Protein backbone atom coordinates (compact mmCIF):
# COMPACT_ATOMS: atom_id res chain seq x y z
CA GLN A 1 -18.25 6.82 44.54
CA VAL A 2 -16.98 4.05 42.31
CA GLN A 3 -18.63 3.81 38.91
CA LEU A 4 -18.57 1.04 36.35
CA VAL A 5 -19.66 1.83 32.80
CA GLU A 6 -20.25 -0.89 30.22
CA SER A 7 -19.98 -0.49 26.47
CA GLY A 8 -19.78 -2.68 23.38
CA GLY A 9 -23.12 -4.40 23.43
CA GLY A 10 -25.50 -4.69 20.53
CA GLN A 11 -27.06 -7.15 18.15
CA VAL A 12 -25.16 -9.89 16.36
CA GLN A 13 -26.03 -12.99 14.41
CA PHE A 14 -25.55 -16.57 15.58
CA GLY A 15 -21.86 -17.42 15.59
CA GLY A 16 -20.75 -13.80 15.73
CA SER A 17 -18.56 -11.99 18.22
CA LEU A 18 -18.77 -9.00 20.50
CA ARG A 19 -16.41 -7.46 23.01
CA LEU A 20 -17.83 -5.83 26.10
CA SER A 21 -15.83 -3.24 28.00
CA CYS A 22 -16.25 -2.07 31.56
CA ALA A 23 -14.52 1.16 32.46
CA ALA A 24 -13.98 1.80 36.16
CA SER A 25 -13.73 5.22 37.76
CA THR A 26 -10.90 3.98 39.94
CA SER A 27 -7.95 1.70 39.43
CA THR A 28 -9.01 -1.82 38.51
CA PHE A 29 -5.87 -2.97 40.26
CA SER A 30 -7.61 -2.08 43.53
CA PHE A 31 -10.56 -4.39 42.95
CA VAL A 32 -10.44 -7.75 44.71
CA VAL A 33 -12.52 -9.24 41.94
CA MET A 34 -14.12 -8.02 38.76
CA GLY A 35 -16.47 -9.88 36.51
CA TRP A 36 -19.53 -10.12 34.36
CA PHE A 37 -23.07 -11.27 35.09
CA ARG A 38 -26.04 -11.50 32.77
CA GLN A 39 -29.79 -11.59 33.09
CA ALA A 40 -32.10 -12.89 30.40
CA PRO A 41 -35.82 -11.99 30.37
CA GLY A 42 -37.68 -13.94 33.03
CA LYS A 43 -34.51 -15.44 34.45
CA ARG A 44 -32.27 -14.78 37.42
CA ARG A 45 -29.04 -12.89 37.10
CA GLU A 46 -26.22 -15.37 36.60
CA LEU A 47 -22.46 -15.22 36.84
CA VAL A 48 -20.70 -15.39 33.49
CA ALA A 49 -17.04 -14.90 34.36
CA TYR A 50 -14.82 -13.28 36.95
CA MET A 51 -11.20 -12.50 37.51
CA GLU A 52 -9.59 -12.11 40.92
CA SER A 53 -6.76 -9.71 41.56
CA VAL A 54 -4.52 -12.67 42.41
CA GLY A 55 -5.15 -14.07 38.95
CA THR A 56 -7.83 -16.72 39.42
CA ILE A 57 -10.33 -16.80 36.56
CA TYR A 58 -13.72 -18.49 36.54
CA TYR A 59 -16.13 -19.16 33.68
CA ALA A 60 -19.65 -20.50 33.77
CA ASP A 61 -19.89 -23.85 32.00
CA SER A 62 -22.22 -22.36 29.41
CA VAL A 63 -19.52 -19.96 28.15
CA LYS A 64 -16.31 -21.92 28.61
CA GLY A 65 -14.25 -22.00 25.46
CA ARG A 66 -16.24 -19.16 23.91
CA PHE A 67 -15.83 -16.19 26.27
CA THR A 68 -12.63 -14.66 27.58
CA ILE A 69 -12.33 -12.19 30.43
CA SER A 70 -9.34 -9.90 30.65
CA ARG A 71 -8.26 -6.78 32.46
CA ASP A 72 -6.14 -3.81 31.45
CA ASN A 73 -5.15 -2.08 34.67
CA ALA A 74 -3.46 0.75 32.77
CA LYS A 75 -6.84 1.62 31.25
CA ASN A 76 -8.91 0.71 34.32
CA THR A 77 -10.98 -1.51 32.06
CA VAL A 78 -12.23 -5.07 32.14
CA TYR A 79 -13.21 -6.83 28.95
CA LEU A 80 -15.39 -9.77 27.99
CA GLN A 81 -14.60 -11.15 24.56
CA MET A 82 -17.56 -13.20 23.39
CA ASN A 83 -17.13 -15.53 20.43
CA SER A 84 -19.40 -18.13 18.82
CA LEU A 85 -22.42 -16.37 20.23
CA LYS A 86 -25.69 -18.22 20.52
CA PRO A 87 -29.28 -16.98 20.87
CA GLU A 88 -29.23 -18.22 24.47
CA ASP A 89 -26.50 -15.67 25.21
CA THR A 90 -29.07 -12.93 24.70
CA ALA A 91 -29.31 -10.96 27.94
CA VAL A 92 -28.46 -7.76 29.70
CA TYR A 93 -24.84 -8.00 30.76
CA TYR A 94 -23.65 -6.34 33.95
CA CYS A 95 -20.14 -5.51 35.04
CA HIS A 96 -19.41 -6.17 38.69
CA GLY A 97 -16.54 -5.30 40.97
CA ASN A 98 -15.72 -5.70 44.63
CA TYR A 99 -13.77 -2.75 45.95
CA GLN A 100 -12.93 -2.16 49.60
CA MET A 101 -15.45 -4.82 50.63
CA ARG A 102 -18.32 -3.27 48.70
CA ASP A 103 -20.02 -4.51 45.56
CA TYR A 104 -20.44 -2.20 42.61
CA TRP A 105 -22.49 -2.72 39.45
CA GLY A 106 -22.65 -1.17 36.04
CA GLN A 107 -25.94 -0.07 34.56
CA GLY A 108 -26.13 -3.06 32.23
CA ILE A 109 -25.85 -3.40 28.49
CA GLN A 110 -28.00 -5.37 26.08
CA VAL A 111 -26.57 -8.20 23.99
CA THR A 112 -28.92 -9.75 21.45
CA VAL A 113 -28.00 -12.77 19.35
CA SER A 114 -30.30 -13.59 16.47
CA SER A 115 -30.61 -17.04 14.92
């Protein structure tokens, strides 16, 4: 059973930074795609960023220029560096990966940005 475990969330002030980590129980090199979603209270879960194994990277318009996704295959970990955070970035952030044609999710981690 593949597991994804997020860490690095918390509370930060407007304009601050956080780095989320997602540790996988298997080699991240084996994932077709890995990424981050988020869900704010009362809203649908939305895609934030993803990275394909072939190198393609996607960012939602709302985070372009502020967030950076990266992957360290040696550590089986995917990161989301979040800079210039805004109150509207407040949400539960979920790590996602597609491995052997199945989707896997982390348990979610809270990010709160205060104004």
